[in-house]
């Protein structure tokens, strides 16, 4: 018996129009009601992932920021965090600038665009 299912959001649960099919929502709700954790995972920030998790009746646990955070939004408890150092962020920024690539990072639930 499965105890947990991990699912990506964009391009997996949500289609190209950013819609989760009613059939998918119903399936997630049934799984959750049967005691199976449906844990949503995303490269996006915590609030984005939490909103979608709540809207499709998935579990209270979410994995966000490309695996950088595991969070329980029901208890407002950070279970795991793997932050990048300031030095690593600055180094990546410099590399992206030289390569003419847009640099995006999440900081304290806000997206920073450079």
PDB file of N, CA and C in Angstrom:
ATOM      1  N   UNK A   1       0.836  -1.182   0.000  1.00  0.00           N
ATOM      2  CA  UNK A   1       0.000   0.000   0.000  1.00  0.00           C
ATOM      3  C   UNK A   1       0.884   1.249   0.000  1.00  0.00           C
ATOM      4  N   UNK A   2       0.536   2.213  -0.828  1.00  0.00           N
ATOM      5  CA  UNK A   2       1.256   3.479  -0.871  1.00  0.00           C
ATOM      6  C   UNK A   2       0.920   4.305   0.357  1.00  0.00           C
ATOM      7  N   UNK A   3       1.911   4.994   0.876  1.00  0.00           N
ATOM      8  CA  UNK A   3       1.686   5.894   2.001  1.00  0.00           C
ATOM      9  C   UNK A   3       1.864   7.342   1.594  1.00  0.00           C
ATOM     10  N   UNK A   4       2.591   7.570   0.488  1.00  0.00           N
ATOM     11  CA  UNK A   4       2.804   8.931   0.000  1.00  0.00           C
ATOM     12  C   UNK A   4       3.032   8.912  -1.503  1.00  0.00           C
ATOM     13  N   UNK A   5       2.503   9.920  -2.137  1.00  0.00           N
ATOM     14  CA  UNK A   5       2.716  10.138  -3.572  1.00  0.00           C
ATOM     15  C   UNK A   5       3.246  11.567  -3.707  1.00  0.00           C
ATOM     16  N   UNK A   6       4.329  11.723  -4.433  1.00  0.00           N
ATOM     17  CA  UNK A   6       4.934  13.032  -4.665  1.00  0.00           C
ATOM     18  C   UNK A   6       4.623  13.443  -6.102  1.00  0.00           C
ATOM     19  N   UNK A   7       4.134  14.660  -6.286  1.00  0.00           N
ATOM     20  CA  UNK A   7       3.763  15.106  -7.623  1.00  0.00           C
ATOM     21  C   UNK A   7       4.247  16.528  -7.872  1.00  0.00           C
ATOM     22  N   UNK A   8       4.814  16.721  -9.048  1.00  0.00           N
ATOM     23  CA  UNK A   8       5.195  18.055  -9.493  1.00  0.00           C
ATOM     24  C   UNK A   8       3.923  18.806  -9.888  1.00  0.00           C
ATOM     25  N   UNK A   9       3.979  20.112  -9.890  1.00  0.00           N
ATOM     26  CA  UNK A   9       2.798  20.913 -10.205  1.00  0.00           C
ATOM     27  C   UNK A   9       2.771  21.309 -11.674  1.00  0.00           C
ATOM     28  N   UNK A  10       3.668  22.211 -12.067  1.00  0.00           N
ATOM     29  CA  UNK A  10       3.628  22.778 -13.415  1.00  0.00           C
ATOM     30  C   UNK A  10       4.053  21.757 -14.461  1.00  0.00           C
ATOM     31  N   UNK A  11       3.172  21.527 -15.423  1.00  0.00           N
ATOM     32  CA  UNK A  11       3.453  20.579 -16.485  1.00  0.00           C
ATOM     33  C   UNK A  11       3.116  19.147 -16.112  1.00  0.00           C
ATOM     34  N   UNK A  12       2.744  18.921 -14.877  1.00  0.00           N
ATOM     35  CA  UNK A  12       2.348  17.583 -14.433  1.00  0.00           C
ATOM     36  C   UNK A  12       0.903  17.629 -13.954  1.00  0.00           C
ATOM     37  N   UNK A  13       0.652  18.255 -12.812  1.00  0.00           N
ATOM     38  CA  UNK A  13      -0.730  18.398 -12.336  1.00  0.00           C
ATOM     39  C   UNK A  13      -1.475  19.466 -13.127  1.00  0.00           C
ATOM     40  N   UNK A  14      -0.787  20.561 -13.420  1.00  0.00           N
ATOM     41  CA  UNK A  14      -1.424  21.654 -14.157  1.00  0.00           C
ATOM     42  C   UNK A  14      -1.052  21.574 -15.628  1.00  0.00           C
ATOM     43  N   UNK A  15      -2.028  21.878 -16.469  1.00  0.00           N
ATOM     44  CA  UNK A  15      -1.772  21.847 -17.906  1.00  0.00           C
ATOM     45  C   UNK A  15      -1.119  23.166 -18.353  1.00  0.00           C
ATOM     46  N   UNK A  16      -0.955  23.314 -19.649  1.00  0.00           N
ATOM     47  CA  UNK A  16      -0.278  24.504 -20.179  1.00  0.00           C
ATOM     48  C   UNK A  16      -1.077  25.790 -19.923  1.00  0.00           C
ATOM     49  N   UNK A  17      -2.359  25.649 -19.591  1.00  0.00           N
ATOM     50  CA  UNK A  17      -3.186  26.805 -19.243  1.00  0.00           C
ATOM     51  C   UNK A  17      -3.241  27.038 -17.736  1.00  0.00           C
ATOM     52  N   UNK A  18      -2.393  26.315 -17.007  1.00  0.00           N
ATOM     53  CA  UNK A  18      -2.277  26.416 -15.546  1.00  0.00           C
ATOM     54  C   UNK A  18      -3.549  25.955 -14.824  1.00  0.00           C
ATOM     55  N   UNK A  19      -4.208  24.964 -15.393  1.00  0.00           N
ATOM     56  CA  UNK A  19      -5.449  24.420 -14.839  1.00  0.00           C
ATOM     57  C   UNK A  19      -5.195  22.999 -14.354  1.00  0.00           C
ATOM     58  N   UNK A  20      -5.742  22.677 -13.179  1.00  0.00           N
ATOM     59  CA  UNK A  20      -5.747  21.289 -12.705  1.00  0.00           C
ATOM     60  C   UNK A  20      -7.131  20.745 -13.013  1.00  0.00           C
ATOM     61  N   UNK A  21      -7.188  19.661 -13.760  1.00  0.00           N
ATOM     62  CA  UNK A  21      -8.465  19.073 -14.158  1.00  0.00           C
ATOM     63  C   UNK A  21      -9.257  18.643 -12.925  1.00  0.00           C
ATOM     64  N   UNK A  22     -10.562  18.801 -13.002  1.00  0.00           N
ATOM     65  CA  UNK A  22     -11.450  18.403 -11.907  1.00  0.00           C
ATOM     66  C   UNK A  22     -11.260  16.925 -11.571  1.00  0.00           C
ATOM     67  N   UNK A  23     -11.020  16.134 -12.565  1.00  0.00           N
ATOM     68  CA  UNK A  23     -10.780  14.692 -12.377  1.00  0.00           C
ATOM     69  C   UNK A  23      -9.529  14.466 -11.513  1.00  0.00           C
ATOM     70  N   UNK A  24      -8.500  15.253 -11.744  1.00  0.00           N
ATOM     71  CA  UNK A  24      -7.266  15.157 -10.963  1.00  0.00           C
ATOM     72  C   UNK A  24      -7.499  15.587  -9.523  1.00  0.00           C
ATOM     73  N   UNK A  25      -8.222  16.686  -9.355  1.00  0.00           N
ATOM     74  CA  UNK A  25      -8.539  17.160  -7.996  1.00  0.00           C
ATOM     75  C   UNK A  25      -9.322  16.102  -7.232  1.00  0.00           C
ATOM     76  N   UNK A  26     -10.311  15.497  -7.883  1.00  0.00           N
ATOM     77  CA  UNK A  26     -11.102  14.452  -7.228  1.00  0.00           C
ATOM     78  C   UNK A  26     -10.252  13.248  -6.846  1.00  0.00           C
ATOM     79  N   UNK A  27      -9.313  12.891  -7.711  1.00  0.00           N
ATOM     80  CA  UNK A  27      -8.425  11.758  -7.412  1.00  0.00           C
ATOM     81  C   UNK A  27      -7.529  12.072  -6.209  1.00  0.00           C
ATOM     82  N   UNK A  28      -6.992  13.280  -6.168  1.00  0.00           N
ATOM     83  CA  UNK A  28      -6.147  13.686  -5.040  1.00  0.00           C
ATOM     84  C   UNK A  28      -6.961  13.668  -3.748  1.00  0.00           C
ATOM     85  N   UNK A  29      -8.167  14.187  -3.813  1.00  0.00           N
ATOM     86  CA  UNK A  29      -9.036  14.227  -2.630  1.00  0.00           C
ATOM     87  C   UNK A  29      -9.321  12.806  -2.124  1.00  0.00           C
ATOM     88  N   UNK A  30      -9.611  11.879  -3.029  1.00  0.00           N
ATOM     89  CA  UNK A  30      -9.870  10.487  -2.634  1.00  0.00           C
ATOM     90  C   UNK A  30      -8.643   9.855  -1.994  1.00  0.00           C
ATOM     91  N   UNK A  31      -7.481  10.086  -2.591  1.00  0.00           N
ATOM     92  CA  UNK A  31      -6.238   9.545  -2.036  1.00  0.00           C
ATOM     93  C   UNK A  31      -5.996  10.079  -0.633  1.00  0.00           C
ATOM     94  N   UNK A  32      -6.161  11.385  -0.471  1.00  0.00           N
ATOM     95  CA  UNK A  32      -5.947  12.014   0.832  1.00  0.00           C
ATOM     96  C   UNK A  32      -6.927  11.469   1.868  1.00  0.00           C
ATOM     97  N   UNK A  33      -8.174  11.325   1.478  1.00  0.00           N
ATOM     98  CA  UNK A  33      -9.197  10.801   2.389  1.00  0.00           C
ATOM     99  C   UNK A  33      -8.922   9.352   2.791  1.00  0.00           C
ATOM    100  N   UNK A  34      -8.225   8.613   1.918  1.00  0.00           N
ATOM    101  CA  UNK A  34      -7.907   7.214   2.232  1.00  0.00           C
ATOM    102  C   UNK A  34      -6.614   7.085   3.045  1.00  0.00           C
ATOM    103  N   UNK A  35      -6.019   8.231   3.415  1.00  0.00           N
ATOM    104  CA  UNK A  35      -4.836   8.206   4.259  1.00  0.00           C
ATOM    105  C   UNK A  35      -3.514   8.264   3.521  1.00  0.00           C
ATOM    106  N   UNK A  36      -3.565   8.414   2.225  1.00  0.00           N
ATOM    107  CA  UNK A  36      -2.336   8.524   1.433  1.00  0.00           C
ATOM    108  C   UNK A  36      -1.962  10.003   1.324  1.00  0.00           C
ATOM    109  N   UNK A  37      -0.723  10.322   1.662  1.00  0.00           N
ATOM    110  CA  UNK A  37      -0.252  11.697   1.544  1.00  0.00           C
ATOM    111  C   UNK A  37       0.044  12.002   0.084  1.00  0.00           C
ATOM    112  N   UNK A  38      -0.544  13.057  -0.422  1.00  0.00           N
ATOM    113  CA  UNK A  38      -0.210  13.552  -1.759  1.00  0.00           C
ATOM    114  C   UNK A  38       0.575  14.828  -1.525  1.00  0.00           C
ATOM    115  N   UNK A  39       1.872  14.738  -1.742  1.00  0.00           N
ATOM    116  CA  UNK A  39       2.789  15.828  -1.430  1.00  0.00           C
ATOM    117  C   UNK A  39       3.177  16.534  -2.722  1.00  0.00           C
ATOM    118  N   UNK A  40       2.807  17.809  -2.804  1.00  0.00           N
ATOM    119  CA  UNK A  40       3.122  18.569  -4.013  1.00  0.00           C
ATOM    120  C   UNK A  40       4.540  19.123  -3.927  1.00  0.00           C
ATOM    121  N   UNK A  41       5.204  19.076  -5.059  1.00  0.00           N
ATOM    122  CA  UNK A  41       6.601  19.509  -5.168  1.00  0.00           C
ATOM    123  C   UNK A  41       6.692  20.548  -6.280  1.00  0.00           C
ATOM    124  N   UNK A  42       7.515  21.560  -6.058  1.00  0.00           N
ATOM    125  CA  UNK A  42       7.654  22.587  -7.077  1.00  0.00           C
ATOM    126  C   UNK A  42       8.987  23.304  -6.937  1.00  0.00           C
ATOM    127  N   UNK A  43       9.453  23.830  -8.021  1.00  0.00           N
ATOM    128  CA  UNK A  43      10.614  24.702  -7.993  1.00  0.00           C
ATOM    129  C   UNK A  43      10.234  26.096  -7.538  1.00  0.00           C
ATOM    130  N   UNK A  44       8.962  26.333  -7.449  1.00  0.00           N
ATOM    131  CA  UNK A  44       8.466  27.660  -7.079  1.00  0.00           C
ATOM    132  C   UNK A  44       8.467  27.867  -5.565  1.00  0.00           C
ATOM    133  N   UNK A  45       8.168  29.092  -5.130  1.00  0.00           N
ATOM    134  CA  UNK A  45       8.200  29.406  -3.694  1.00  0.00           C
ATOM    135  C   UNK A  45       7.079  28.726  -2.899  1.00  0.00           C
ATOM    136  N   UNK A  46       7.227  28.792  -1.597  1.00  0.00           N
ATOM    137  CA  UNK A  46       6.320  28.129  -0.655  1.00  0.00           C
ATOM    138  C   UNK A  46       4.862  28.544  -0.832  1.00  0.00           C
ATOM    139  N   UNK A  47       4.565  29.842  -0.866  1.00  0.00           N
ATOM    140  CA  UNK A  47       3.173  30.316  -0.921  1.00  0.00           C
ATOM    141  C   UNK A  47       2.464  29.804  -2.168  1.00  0.00           C
ATOM    142  N   UNK A  48       3.120  29.838  -3.292  1.00  0.00           N
ATOM    143  CA  UNK A  48       2.555  29.329  -4.551  1.00  0.00           C
ATOM    144  C   UNK A  48       2.166  27.863  -4.394  1.00  0.00           C
ATOM    145  N   UNK A  49       3.090  27.072  -3.876  1.00  0.00           N
ATOM    146  CA  UNK A  49       2.860  25.637  -3.728  1.00  0.00           C
ATOM    147  C   UNK A  49       1.766  25.367  -2.702  1.00  0.00           C
ATOM    148  N   UNK A  50       1.782  26.101  -1.615  1.00  0.00           N
ATOM    149  CA  UNK A  50       0.765  25.935  -0.575  1.00  0.00           C
ATOM    150  C   UNK A  50      -0.634  26.227  -1.118  1.00  0.00           C
ATOM    151  N   UNK A  51      -0.799  27.303  -1.848  1.00  0.00           N
ATOM    152  CA  UNK A  51      -2.111  27.654  -2.399  1.00  0.00           C
ATOM    153  C   UNK A  51      -2.654  26.538  -3.283  1.00  0.00           C
ATOM    154  N   UNK A  52      -1.813  25.992  -4.128  1.00  0.00           N
ATOM    155  CA  UNK A  52      -2.254  24.917  -5.010  1.00  0.00           C
ATOM    156  C   UNK A  52      -2.561  23.663  -4.206  1.00  0.00           C
ATOM    157  N   UNK A  53      -1.733  23.354  -3.232  1.00  0.00           N
ATOM    158  CA  UNK A  53      -1.953  22.183  -2.390  1.00  0.00           C
ATOM    159  C   UNK A  53      -3.308  22.278  -1.681  1.00  0.00           C
ATOM    160  N   UNK A  54      -3.602  23.417  -1.127  1.00  0.00           N
ATOM    161  CA  UNK A  54      -4.893  23.625  -0.450  1.00  0.00           C
ATOM    162  C   UNK A  54      -6.055  23.494  -1.433  1.00  0.00           C
ATOM    163  N   UNK A  55      -5.898  24.076  -2.613  1.00  0.00           N
ATOM    164  CA  UNK A  55      -6.987  24.082  -3.599  1.00  0.00           C
ATOM    165  C   UNK A  55      -7.292  22.718  -4.192  1.00  0.00           C
ATOM    166  N   UNK A  56      -6.337  21.804  -4.140  1.00  0.00           N
ATOM    167  CA  UNK A  56      -6.618  20.477  -4.713  1.00  0.00           C
ATOM    168  C   UNK A  56      -6.641  19.391  -3.640  1.00  0.00           C
ATOM    169  N   UNK A  57      -6.746  19.796  -2.378  1.00  0.00           N
ATOM    170  CA  UNK A  57      -6.922  18.867  -1.256  1.00  0.00           C
ATOM    171  C   UNK A  57      -5.746  17.919  -1.054  1.00  0.00           C
ATOM    172  N   UNK A  58      -4.565  18.361  -1.409  1.00  0.00           N
ATOM    173  CA  UNK A  58      -3.363  17.546  -1.188  1.00  0.00           C
ATOM    174  C   UNK A  58      -2.978  17.647   0.290  1.00  0.00           C
ATOM    175  N   UNK A  59      -1.874  17.006   0.656  1.00  0.00           N
ATOM    176  CA  UNK A  59      -1.481  16.975   2.066  1.00  0.00           C
ATOM    177  C   UNK A  59      -0.979  18.329   2.539  1.00  0.00           C
ATOM    178  N   UNK A  60      -0.793  18.424   3.827  1.00  0.00           N
ATOM    179  CA  UNK A  60      -0.290  19.647   4.466  1.00  0.00           C
ATOM    180  C   UNK A  60       1.208  19.824   4.263  1.00  0.00           C
ATOM    181  N   UNK A  61       1.862  18.814   3.727  1.00  0.00           N
ATOM    182  CA  UNK A  61       3.307  18.861   3.480  1.00  0.00           C
ATOM    183  C   UNK A  61       3.556  19.268   2.037  1.00  0.00           C
ATOM    184  N   UNK A  62       4.519  20.159   1.835  1.00  0.00           N
ATOM    185  CA  UNK A  62       4.908  20.576   0.489  1.00  0.00           C
ATOM    186  C   UNK A  62       6.428  20.635   0.399  1.00  0.00           C
ATOM    187  N   UNK A  63       6.918  20.414  -0.799  1.00  0.00           N
ATOM    188  CA  UNK A  63       8.350  20.545  -1.085  1.00  0.00           C
ATOM    189  C   UNK A  63       8.475  21.669  -2.104  1.00  0.00           C
ATOM    190  N   UNK A  64       9.258  22.698  -1.755  1.00  0.00           N
ATOM    191  CA  UNK A  64       9.318  23.897  -2.589  1.00  0.00           C
ATOM    192  C   UNK A  64      10.760  24.274  -2.930  1.00  0.00           C
ATOM    193  N   UNK A  65      10.883  25.295  -3.739  1.00  0.00           N
ATOM    194  CA  UNK A  65      12.191  25.863  -4.087  1.00  0.00           C
ATOM    195  C   UNK A  65      13.171  24.807  -4.580  1.00  0.00           C
ATOM    196  N   UNK A  66      12.684  23.971  -5.499  1.00  0.00           N
ATOM    197  CA  UNK A  66      13.509  22.899  -6.078  1.00  0.00           C
ATOM    198  C   UNK A  66      14.105  21.977  -5.024  1.00  0.00           C
ATOM    199  N   UNK A  67      13.313  21.667  -4.014  1.00  0.00           N
ATOM    200  CA  UNK A  67      13.781  20.774  -2.950  1.00  0.00           C
ATOM    201  C   UNK A  67      14.488  21.485  -1.822  1.00  0.00           C
ATOM    202  N   UNK A  68      14.576  22.785  -1.893  1.00  0.00           N
ATOM    203  CA  UNK A  68      15.269  23.551  -0.868  1.00  0.00           C
ATOM    204  C   UNK A  68      14.510  23.681   0.438  1.00  0.00           C
ATOM    205  N   UNK A  69      13.200  23.427   0.393  1.00  0.00           N
ATOM    206  CA  UNK A  69      12.382  23.499   1.607  1.00  0.00           C
ATOM    207  C   UNK A  69      11.373  22.365   1.646  1.00  0.00           C
ATOM    208  N   UNK A  70      11.160  21.840   2.836  1.00  0.00           N
ATOM    209  CA  UNK A  70      10.038  20.948   3.116  1.00  0.00           C
ATOM    210  C   UNK A  70       9.274  21.633   4.236  1.00  0.00           C
ATOM    211  N   UNK A  71       7.977  21.809   4.034  1.00  0.00           N
ATOM    212  CA  UNK A  71       7.198  22.661   4.925  1.00  0.00           C
ATOM    213  C   UNK A  71       5.843  22.029   5.231  1.00  0.00           C
ATOM    214  N   UNK A  72       5.383  22.190   6.466  1.00  0.00           N
ATOM    215  CA  UNK A  72       4.047  21.774   6.895  1.00  0.00           C
ATOM    216  C   UNK A  72       3.248  23.046   7.102  1.00  0.00           C
ATOM    217  N   UNK A  73       2.347  23.359   6.170  1.00  0.00           N
ATOM    218  CA  UNK A  73       1.634  24.630   6.265  1.00  0.00           C
ATOM    219  C   UNK A  73       0.503  24.599   7.284  1.00  0.00           C
ATOM    220  N   UNK A  74       0.078  23.430   7.696  1.00  0.00           N
ATOM    221  CA  UNK A  74      -0.959  23.352   8.723  1.00  0.00           C
ATOM    222  C   UNK A  74      -0.427  23.804  10.085  1.00  0.00           C
ATOM    223  N   UNK A  75       0.819  23.438  10.381  1.00  0.00           N
ATOM    224  CA  UNK A  75       1.462  23.815  11.652  1.00  0.00           C
ATOM    225  C   UNK A  75       2.380  25.015  11.505  1.00  0.00           C
ATOM    226  N   UNK A  76       2.524  25.518  10.274  1.00  0.00           N
ATOM    227  CA  UNK A  76       3.475  26.598   9.988  1.00  0.00           C
ATOM    228  C   UNK A  76       4.874  26.197  10.464  1.00  0.00           C
ATOM    229  N   UNK A  77       5.265  24.959  10.096  1.00  0.00           N
ATOM    230  CA  UNK A  77       6.538  24.418  10.565  1.00  0.00           C
ATOM    231  C   UNK A  77       7.451  24.087   9.379  1.00  0.00           C
ATOM    232  N   UNK A  78       8.631  24.655   9.418  1.00  0.00           N
ATOM    233  CA  UNK A  78       9.658  24.355   8.435  1.00  0.00           C
ATOM    234  C   UNK A  78      10.349  23.063   8.870  1.00  0.00           C
ATOM    235  N   UNK A  79      10.225  22.027   8.059  1.00  0.00           N
ATOM    236  CA  UNK A  79      10.769  20.715   8.403  1.00  0.00           C
ATOM    237  C   UNK A  79      12.218  20.595   7.953  1.00  0.00           C
ATOM    238  N   UNK A  80      12.514  21.177   6.805  1.00  0.00           N
ATOM    239  CA  UNK A  80      13.864  21.082   6.238  1.00  0.00           C
ATOM    240  C   UNK A  80      14.110  22.328   5.401  1.00  0.00           C
ATOM    241  N   UNK A  81      15.323  22.830   5.471  1.00  0.00           N
ATOM    242  CA  UNK A  81      15.721  23.938   4.600  1.00  0.00           C
ATOM    243  C   UNK A  81      17.189  23.761   4.227  1.00  0.00           C
ATOM    244  N   UNK A  82      17.490  24.052   3.001  1.00  0.00           N
ATOM    245  CA  UNK A  82      18.865  23.983   2.520  1.00  0.00           C
ATOM    246  C   UNK A  82      19.156  25.280   1.757  1.00  0.00           C
ATOM    247  N   UNK A  83      19.398  26.349   2.500  1.00  0.00           N
ATOM    248  CA  UNK A  83      19.602  27.645   1.839  1.00  0.00           C
ATOM    249  C   UNK A  83      20.973  27.738   1.172  1.00  0.00           C
ATOM    250  N   UNK A  84      21.020  28.580   0.172  1.00  0.00           N
ATOM    251  CA  UNK A  84      22.296  28.854  -0.484  1.00  0.00           C
ATOM    252  C   UNK A  84      23.010  29.954   0.276  1.00  0.00           C
ATOM    253  N   UNK A  85      24.313  29.920   0.250  1.00  0.00           N
ATOM    254  CA  UNK A  85      25.088  30.977   0.890  1.00  0.00           C
ATOM    255  C   UNK A  85      25.011  32.250   0.042  1.00  0.00           C
ATOM    256  N   UNK A  86      25.244  33.357   0.684  1.00  0.00           N
ATOM    257  CA  UNK A  86      25.264  34.635  -0.022  1.00  0.00           C
ATOM    258  C   UNK A  86      26.329  34.607  -1.121  1.00  0.00           C
ATOM    259  N   UNK A  87      27.461  34.008  -0.809  1.00  0.00           N
ATOM    260  CA  UNK A  87      28.565  33.929  -1.775  1.00  0.00           C
ATOM    261  C   UNK A  87      28.150  33.133  -3.012  1.00  0.00           C
ATOM    262  N   UNK A  88      27.454  32.017  -2.813  1.00  0.00           N
ATOM    263  CA  UNK A  88      26.997  31.203  -3.946  1.00  0.00           C
ATOM    264  C   UNK A  88      26.010  31.969  -4.810  1.00  0.00           C
ATOM    265  N   UNK A  89      25.114  32.707  -4.172  1.00  0.00           N
ATOM    266  CA  UNK A  89      24.138  33.507  -4.916  1.00  0.00           C
ATOM    267  C   UNK A  89      24.829  34.570  -5.760  1.00  0.00           C
ATOM    268  N   UNK A  90      25.794  35.250  -5.162  1.00  0.00           N
ATOM    269  CA  UNK A  90      26.522  36.276  -5.902  1.00  0.00           C
ATOM    270  C   UNK A  90      27.312  35.679  -7.058  1.00  0.00           C
ATOM    271  N   UNK A  91      27.902  34.528  -6.837  1.00  0.00           N
ATOM    272  CA  UNK A  91      28.658  33.858  -7.901  1.00  0.00           C
ATOM    273  C   UNK A  91      27.735  33.459  -9.054  1.00  0.00           C
ATOM    274  N   UNK A  92      26.572  32.908  -8.731  1.00  0.00           N
ATOM    275  CA  UNK A  92      25.613  32.542  -9.776  1.00  0.00           C
ATOM    276  C   UNK A  92      25.110  33.768 -10.528  1.00  0.00           C
ATOM    277  N   UNK A  93      24.901  34.849  -9.804  1.00  0.00           N
ATOM    278  CA  UNK A  93      24.476  36.088 -10.450  1.00  0.00           C
ATOM    279  C   UNK A  93      25.523  36.558 -11.456  1.00  0.00           C
ATOM    280  N   UNK A  94      26.782  36.551 -11.048  1.00  0.00           N
ATOM    281  CA  UNK A  94      27.859  36.983 -11.950  1.00  0.00           C
ATOM    282  C   UNK A  94      27.952  36.076 -13.179  1.00  0.00           C
ATOM    283  N   UNK A  95      27.807  34.782 -12.979  1.00  0.00           N
ATOM    284  CA  UNK A  95      27.837  33.838 -14.108  1.00  0.00           C
ATOM    285  C   UNK A  95      26.681  34.118 -15.055  1.00  0.00           C
ATOM    286  N   UNK A  96      25.483  34.340 -14.509  1.00  0.00           N
ATOM    287  CA  UNK A  96      24.313  34.587 -15.360  1.00  0.00           C
ATOM    288  C   UNK A  96      24.457  35.894 -16.127  1.00  0.00           C
ATOM    289  N   UNK A  97      25.058  36.896 -15.485  1.00  0.00           N
ATOM    290  CA  UNK A  97      25.268  38.190 -16.140  1.00  0.00           C
ATOM    291  C   UNK A  97      26.202  38.027 -17.344  1.00  0.00           C
ATOM    292  N   UNK A  98      27.291  37.292 -17.154  1.00  0.00           N
ATOM    293  CA  UNK A  98      28.253  37.065 -18.245  1.00  0.00           C
ATOM    294  C   UNK A  98      27.636  36.268 -19.391  1.00  0.00           C
ATOM    295  N   UNK A  99      26.714  35.357 -19.041  1.00  0.00           N
ATOM    296  CA  UNK A  99      26.090  34.509 -20.056  1.00  0.00           C
ATOM    297  C   UNK A  99      24.821  35.141 -20.626  1.00  0.00           C
ATOM    298  N   UNK A 100      24.482  36.359 -20.165  1.00  0.00           N
ATOM    299  CA  UNK A 100      23.273  37.060 -20.604  1.00  0.00           C
ATOM    300  C   UNK A 100      22.021  36.196 -20.373  1.00  0.00           C
ATOM    301  N   UNK A 101      21.943  35.661 -19.159  1.00  0.00           N
ATOM    302  CA  UNK A 101      20.822  34.808 -18.756  1.00  0.00           C
ATOM    303  C   UNK A 101      20.101  35.500 -17.604  1.00  0.00           C
ATOM    304  N   UNK A 102      18.775  35.479 -17.638  1.00  0.00           N
ATOM    305  CA  UNK A 102      17.992  36.093 -16.565  1.00  0.00           C
ATOM    306  C   UNK A 102      18.199  35.313 -15.271  1.00  0.00           C
ATOM    307  N   UNK A 103      18.470  36.011 -14.201  1.00  0.00           N
ATOM    308  CA  UNK A 103      18.736  35.414 -12.892  1.00  0.00           C
ATOM    309  C   UNK A 103      17.524  35.624 -11.998  1.00  0.00           C
ATOM    310  N   UNK A 104      16.928  34.536 -11.514  1.00  0.00           N
ATOM    311  CA  UNK A 104      15.745  34.611 -10.652  1.00  0.00           C
ATOM    312  C   UNK A 104      16.030  33.816  -9.389  1.00  0.00           C
ATOM    313  N   UNK A 105      15.690  34.393  -8.247  1.00  0.00           N
ATOM    314  CA  UNK A 105      15.835  33.639  -7.002  1.00  0.00           C
ATOM    315  C   UNK A 105      14.731  34.042  -6.039  1.00  0.00           C
ATOM    316  N   UNK A 106      14.360  33.113  -5.177  1.00  0.00           N
ATOM    317  CA  UNK A 106      13.331  33.366  -4.171  1.00  0.00           C
ATOM    318  C   UNK A 106      14.011  33.728  -2.860  1.00  0.00           C
ATOM    319  N   UNK A 107      13.557  34.837  -2.298  1.00  0.00           N
ATOM    320  CA  UNK A 107      14.118  35.297  -1.033  1.00  0.00           C
ATOM    321  C   UNK A 107      12.951  35.641  -0.120  1.00  0.00           C
ATOM    322  N   UNK A 108      12.853  34.920   1.001  1.00  0.00           N
ATOM    323  CA  UNK A 108      11.790  35.210   1.967  1.00  0.00           C
ATOM    324  C   UNK A 108      10.422  35.320   1.314  1.00  0.00           C
ATOM    325  N   UNK A 109      10.086  34.332   0.495  1.00  0.00           N
ATOM    326  CA  UNK A 109       8.778  34.269  -0.164  1.00  0.00           C
ATOM    327  C   UNK A 109       8.534  35.345  -1.206  1.00  0.00           C
ATOM    328  N   UNK A 110       9.550  36.086  -1.579  1.00  0.00           N
ATOM    329  CA  UNK A 110       9.423  37.067  -2.647  1.00  0.00           C
ATOM    330  C   UNK A 110      10.357  36.635  -3.774  1.00  0.00           C
ATOM    331  N   UNK A 111       9.930  36.834  -4.979  1.00  0.00           N
ATOM    332  CA  UNK A 111      10.811  36.539  -6.103  1.00  0.00           C
ATOM    333  C   UNK A 111      11.622  37.764  -6.445  1.00  0.00           C
ATOM    334  N   UNK A 112      12.914  37.565  -6.619  1.00  0.00           N
ATOM    335  CA  UNK A 112      13.793  38.660  -6.997  1.00  0.00           C
ATOM    336  C   UNK A 112      14.243  38.439  -8.431  1.00  0.00           C
ATOM    337  N   UNK A 113      14.065  39.448  -9.265  1.00  0.00           N
ATOM    338  CA  UNK A 113      14.452  39.359 -10.671  1.00  0.00           C
ATOM    339  C   UNK A 113      15.579  40.337 -10.923  1.00  0.00           C
ATOM    340  N   UNK A 114      16.631  39.867 -11.555  1.00  0.00           N
ATOM    341  CA  UNK A 114      17.747  40.750 -11.911  1.00  0.00           C
ATOM    342  C   UNK A 114      18.018  40.605 -13.385  1.00  0.00           C
TER     343      UNK A 114
END
